[in-house]
Amino acid sequence: MGTIGSASAVIAFPFSKLSRHPVISDLQPLPARPRSLVFNSLIECYGCGSKDASLSDQSPAQGAVMRKYLITAVTLLLSFSANAADNGIVSKPSNYAVPETLDRLEKVVKAKGLTVFARIDHSGEAEKVGLKLPPTQLLMFGNPKAGTAMMSSSPSIAIDLPLKALAWEDRNGKVWLSYNSPEYLQQRHDLKEEFVKNLVAVGILIDEALK
């Protein structure tokens, strides 16, 4: 594990994961300098490193390789941060209790001619076995015709269909309505662009339910 740091913060970077990443799998090892020098160079670019870490003392060939590493590293750092932040889940605040939140969404879904396949009360099931769970309910819904077309094109998306919306209460008593982002599902299942519009509609339905 390497680190990028300053006087105020240190960011750990998983070099082992970086080395296995397909984006940089074809890069050659740096000729005579440790890989961490790339990140020291990054620090200097932002004014918090030393002159010893600059690219100026490299040969043209070495400098080109290091710049390639540097650009790739910055891209991956941003990518890893974004993925860790939301995990493909979009959560929107609700001004209603969990049951009412899903009641409203279910009403909107049915009004649009979609099918409600199931409504699962996780907290209710927990109570039946003597356990406590903050209000948590899941609604599964969709359009069988549209869903079949997506599964025929990308079979793995069946694991994420029917579409799902989760109403849940956090530790502070705030209610949220969460769903998988269309971009996440498209990337996860290599879904064709023509099907994405069906997934984007989920956010529209949820916004209407939360009014």
Protein backbone atom coordinates (compact mmCIF):
# COMPACT_ATOMS: atom_id res chain seq x y z
CA MET A 1 0.00 0.00 0.00
CA GLY A 2 1.38 3.40 -0.94
CA THR A 3 0.32 6.81 0.28
CA ILE A 4 -0.16 10.25 -1.14
CA GLY A 5 0.07 12.80 1.63
CA SER A 6 0.57 16.33 2.82
CA ALA A 7 0.78 17.95 6.23
CA SER A 8 -3.00 17.81 6.56
CA ALA A 9 -3.98 14.48 5.02
CA VAL A 10 -2.77 11.11 3.84
CA ILE A 11 -4.58 9.11 1.16
CA ALA A 12 -3.87 5.39 0.95
CA PHE A 13 -3.65 3.99 -2.56
CA PRO A 14 -3.89 0.23 -3.34
CA PHE A 15 -0.89 -0.30 -5.62
CA SER A 16 -1.66 -4.02 -5.85
CA LYS A 17 -5.11 -3.27 -7.31
CA LEU A 18 -3.65 -0.63 -9.57
CA SER A 19 -1.13 -3.07 -11.00
CA ARG A 20 -3.87 -5.55 -11.85
CA HIS A 21 -6.19 -2.98 -13.41
CA PRO A 22 -6.77 -3.62 -17.14
CA VAL A 23 -6.25 0.03 -17.97
CA ILE A 24 -2.56 -0.16 -17.09
CA SER A 25 -1.82 -3.86 -17.52
CA ASP A 26 0.16 -3.11 -20.69
CA LEU A 27 2.37 -0.45 -19.14
CA GLN A 28 6.08 -1.24 -18.75
CA PRO A 29 7.76 -0.90 -15.32
CA LEU A 30 9.48 2.39 -14.68
CA PRO A 31 13.15 2.06 -15.73
CA ALA A 32 15.03 3.10 -12.62
CA ARG A 33 12.62 4.82 -10.29
CA PRO A 34 10.08 3.30 -7.82
CA ARG A 35 6.45 3.52 -8.85
CA SER A 36 5.72 5.77 -5.87
CA LEU A 37 7.67 8.54 -7.62
CA VAL A 38 4.73 8.94 -9.97
CA PHE A 39 2.57 9.93 -7.03
CA ASN A 40 5.25 12.19 -5.60
CA SER A 41 5.16 13.95 -8.97
CA LEU A 42 1.42 14.28 -8.60
CA ILE A 43 1.95 15.92 -5.21
CA GLU A 44 4.44 18.38 -6.69
CA CYS A 45 1.94 19.31 -9.41
CA TYR A 46 -0.38 20.50 -6.67
CA GLY A 47 2.33 22.44 -4.87
CA CYS A 48 2.83 20.15 -1.90
CA GLY A 49 5.83 18.06 -2.98
CA SER A 50 9.55 18.49 -3.38
CA LYS A 51 11.72 19.22 -6.39
CA ASP A 52 13.24 15.75 -6.04
CA ALA A 53 9.97 14.31 -7.30
CA SER A 54 9.84 16.29 -10.53
CA LEU A 55 9.84 14.87 -14.04
CA SER A 56 12.51 17.31 -15.17
CA ASP A 57 15.43 14.99 -14.36
CA GLN A 58 14.07 12.15 -16.48
CA SER A 59 15.10 11.21 -20.00
CA PRO A 60 12.40 11.81 -22.66
CA ALA A 61 11.54 8.10 -22.73
CA GLN A 62 11.34 7.82 -18.94
CA GLY A 63 9.33 11.00 -18.72
CA ALA A 64 6.81 9.73 -21.27
CA VAL A 65 6.30 6.50 -19.32
CA MET A 66 5.93 8.36 -16.04
CA ARG A 67 3.44 10.81 -17.48
CA LYS A 68 1.37 7.87 -18.75
CA TYR A 69 1.38 6.36 -15.25
CA LEU A 70 0.50 9.72 -13.73
CA ILE A 71 -2.49 10.33 -16.00
CA THR A 72 -3.75 6.78 -15.44
CA ALA A 73 -3.32 7.09 -11.67
CA VAL A 74 -5.31 10.31 -11.49
CA THR A 75 -8.11 8.75 -13.55
CA LEU A 76 -8.23 5.65 -11.36
CA LEU A 77 -8.17 7.64 -8.14
CA LEU A 78 -11.21 9.61 -9.27
CA SER A 79 -12.94 6.45 -10.47
CA PHE A 80 -12.33 4.54 -7.24
CA SER A 81 -13.60 7.47 -5.18
CA ALA A 82 -16.80 7.77 -7.21
CA ASN A 83 -17.51 4.05 -7.00
CA ALA A 84 -16.92 3.95 -3.26
CA ALA A 85 -19.20 6.93 -2.69
CA ASP A 86 -22.49 5.57 -4.02
CA ASN A 87 -22.04 1.95 -5.16
CA GLY A 88 -24.56 2.59 -7.91
CA ILE A 89 -27.34 3.44 -5.47
CA VAL A 90 -29.38 6.64 -5.72
CA SER A 91 -31.10 7.69 -2.49
CA LYS A 92 -33.66 10.48 -2.30
CA PRO A 93 -35.15 11.88 0.92
CA SER A 94 -38.83 11.32 1.64
CA ASN A 95 -41.10 13.49 3.77
CA TYR A 96 -43.35 10.52 4.43
CA ALA A 97 -43.10 7.44 6.64
CA VAL A 98 -41.75 4.26 5.03
CA PRO A 99 -45.15 2.61 4.44
CA GLU A 100 -46.67 5.80 3.03
CA THR A 101 -43.63 6.38 0.84
CA LEU A 102 -44.10 3.00 -0.83
CA ASP A 103 -47.88 3.45 -0.95
CA ARG A 104 -47.34 6.60 -2.97
CA LEU A 105 -44.82 4.93 -5.28
CA GLU A 106 -47.05 1.91 -5.78
CA LYS A 107 -49.92 4.21 -6.74
CA VAL A 108 -47.76 6.03 -9.30
CA VAL A 109 -46.40 2.76 -10.71
CA LYS A 110 -49.88 1.30 -11.22
CA ALA A 111 -51.15 4.54 -12.75
CA LYS A 112 -48.44 4.23 -15.41
CA GLY A 113 -49.63 0.74 -16.30
CA LEU A 114 -46.67 -1.07 -14.73
CA THR A 115 -46.93 -4.33 -12.81
CA VAL A 116 -46.24 -4.56 -9.08
CA PHE A 117 -44.66 -7.98 -8.58
CA ALA A 118 -44.02 -7.88 -4.86
CA ARG A 119 -43.83 -5.72 -1.79
CA ILE A 120 -41.55 -7.00 0.93
CA ASP A 121 -41.74 -5.68 4.48
CA HIS A 122 -38.29 -6.53 5.83
CA SER A 123 -38.89 -4.91 9.21
CA GLY A 124 -42.24 -6.67 9.53
CA GLU A 125 -40.62 -10.05 8.85
CA ALA A 126 -37.91 -9.27 11.41
CA GLU A 127 -40.57 -8.54 14.02
CA LYS A 128 -42.17 -11.94 13.39
CA VAL A 129 -38.99 -13.66 14.57
CA GLY A 130 -38.51 -11.42 17.58
CA LEU A 131 -35.98 -9.04 16.03
CA LYS A 132 -36.03 -5.29 15.54
CA LEU A 133 -35.24 -3.48 12.31
CA PRO A 134 -35.97 0.15 11.44
CA PRO A 135 -38.86 0.46 8.97
CA THR A 136 -37.61 -1.07 5.72
CA GLN A 137 -39.78 -2.03 2.76
CA LEU A 138 -38.99 -3.03 -0.81
CA LEU A 139 -41.20 -2.63 -3.89
CA MET A 140 -40.55 -4.75 -6.99
CA PHE A 141 -42.18 -3.56 -10.20
CA GLY A 142 -41.76 -3.28 -13.94
CA ASN A 143 -43.00 -4.02 -17.43
CA PRO A 144 -42.71 -7.71 -18.43
CA LYS A 145 -42.46 -6.85 -22.13
CA ALA A 146 -39.66 -4.32 -21.66
CA GLY A 147 -37.92 -6.52 -19.10
CA THR A 148 -37.95 -9.54 -21.40
CA ALA A 149 -36.33 -7.53 -24.18
CA MET A 150 -33.56 -6.41 -21.83
CA MET A 151 -32.95 -9.93 -20.53
CA SER A 152 -32.83 -11.32 -24.07
CA SER A 153 -30.13 -8.80 -24.91
CA SER A 154 -28.22 -8.95 -21.60
CA PRO A 155 -29.22 -12.10 -19.65
CA SER A 156 -27.36 -11.13 -16.48
CA ILE A 157 -29.68 -8.17 -15.87
CA ALA A 158 -32.28 -10.71 -14.74
CA ILE A 159 -30.60 -10.59 -11.34
CA ASP A 160 -31.58 -6.91 -11.06
CA LEU A 161 -35.08 -7.29 -12.49
CA PRO A 162 -37.86 -6.58 -11.72
CA LEU A 163 -36.93 -3.01 -10.89
CA LYS A 164 -36.66 -2.28 -7.19
CA ALA A 165 -37.21 0.69 -4.88
CA LEU A 166 -36.27 0.53 -1.22
CA ALA A 167 -37.91 2.75 1.40
CA TRP A 168 -35.92 2.79 4.61
CA GLU A 169 -35.40 4.78 7.79
CA ASP A 170 -31.92 5.72 8.93
CA ARG A 171 -30.62 5.95 12.50
CA ASN A 172 -31.77 9.56 12.74
CA GLY A 173 -35.33 8.71 11.77
CA LYS A 174 -34.97 10.15 8.26
CA VAL A 175 -36.74 8.22 5.49
CA TRP A 176 -35.10 7.57 2.13
CA LEU A 177 -36.20 6.02 -1.15
CA SER A 178 -33.34 4.24 -2.94
CA TYR A 179 -32.91 2.56 -6.31
CA ASN A 180 -30.17 1.35 -8.65
CA SER A 181 -28.85 4.08 -10.93
CA PRO A 182 -29.46 3.48 -14.66
CA GLU A 183 -25.76 4.13 -15.38
CA TYR A 184 -24.75 1.48 -12.86
CA LEU A 185 -27.09 -1.13 -14.35
CA GLN A 186 -26.00 -0.31 -17.90
CA GLN A 187 -22.33 -0.69 -17.02
CA ARG A 188 -22.84 -3.76 -14.84
CA HIS A 189 -24.70 -5.69 -17.54
CA ASP A 190 -23.26 -4.08 -20.68
CA LEU A 191 -26.78 -3.00 -21.57
CA LYS A 192 -27.47 -1.48 -24.98
CA GLU A 193 -28.21 2.24 -25.05
CA GLU A 194 -31.71 1.65 -26.43
CA PHE A 195 -32.77 0.04 -23.14
CA VAL A 196 -31.43 2.73 -20.83
CA LYS A 197 -34.49 4.93 -21.29
CA ASN A 198 -36.57 2.24 -19.57
CA LEU A 199 -34.29 2.42 -16.54
CA VAL A 200 -34.17 6.22 -16.44
CA ALA A 201 -37.96 6.24 -16.05
CA VAL A 202 -37.56 4.84 -12.52
CA GLY A 203 -36.13 8.12 -11.26
CA ILE A 204 -39.06 10.00 -12.79
CA LEU A 205 -41.58 7.73 -11.06
CA ILE A 206 -39.81 8.13 -7.73
CA ASP A 207 -39.67 11.90 -8.03
CA GLU A 208 -43.41 11.95 -8.67
CA ALA A 209 -44.09 9.75 -5.64
CA LEU A 210 -42.03 11.99 -3.38
CA LYS A 211 -43.84 15.23 -4.29
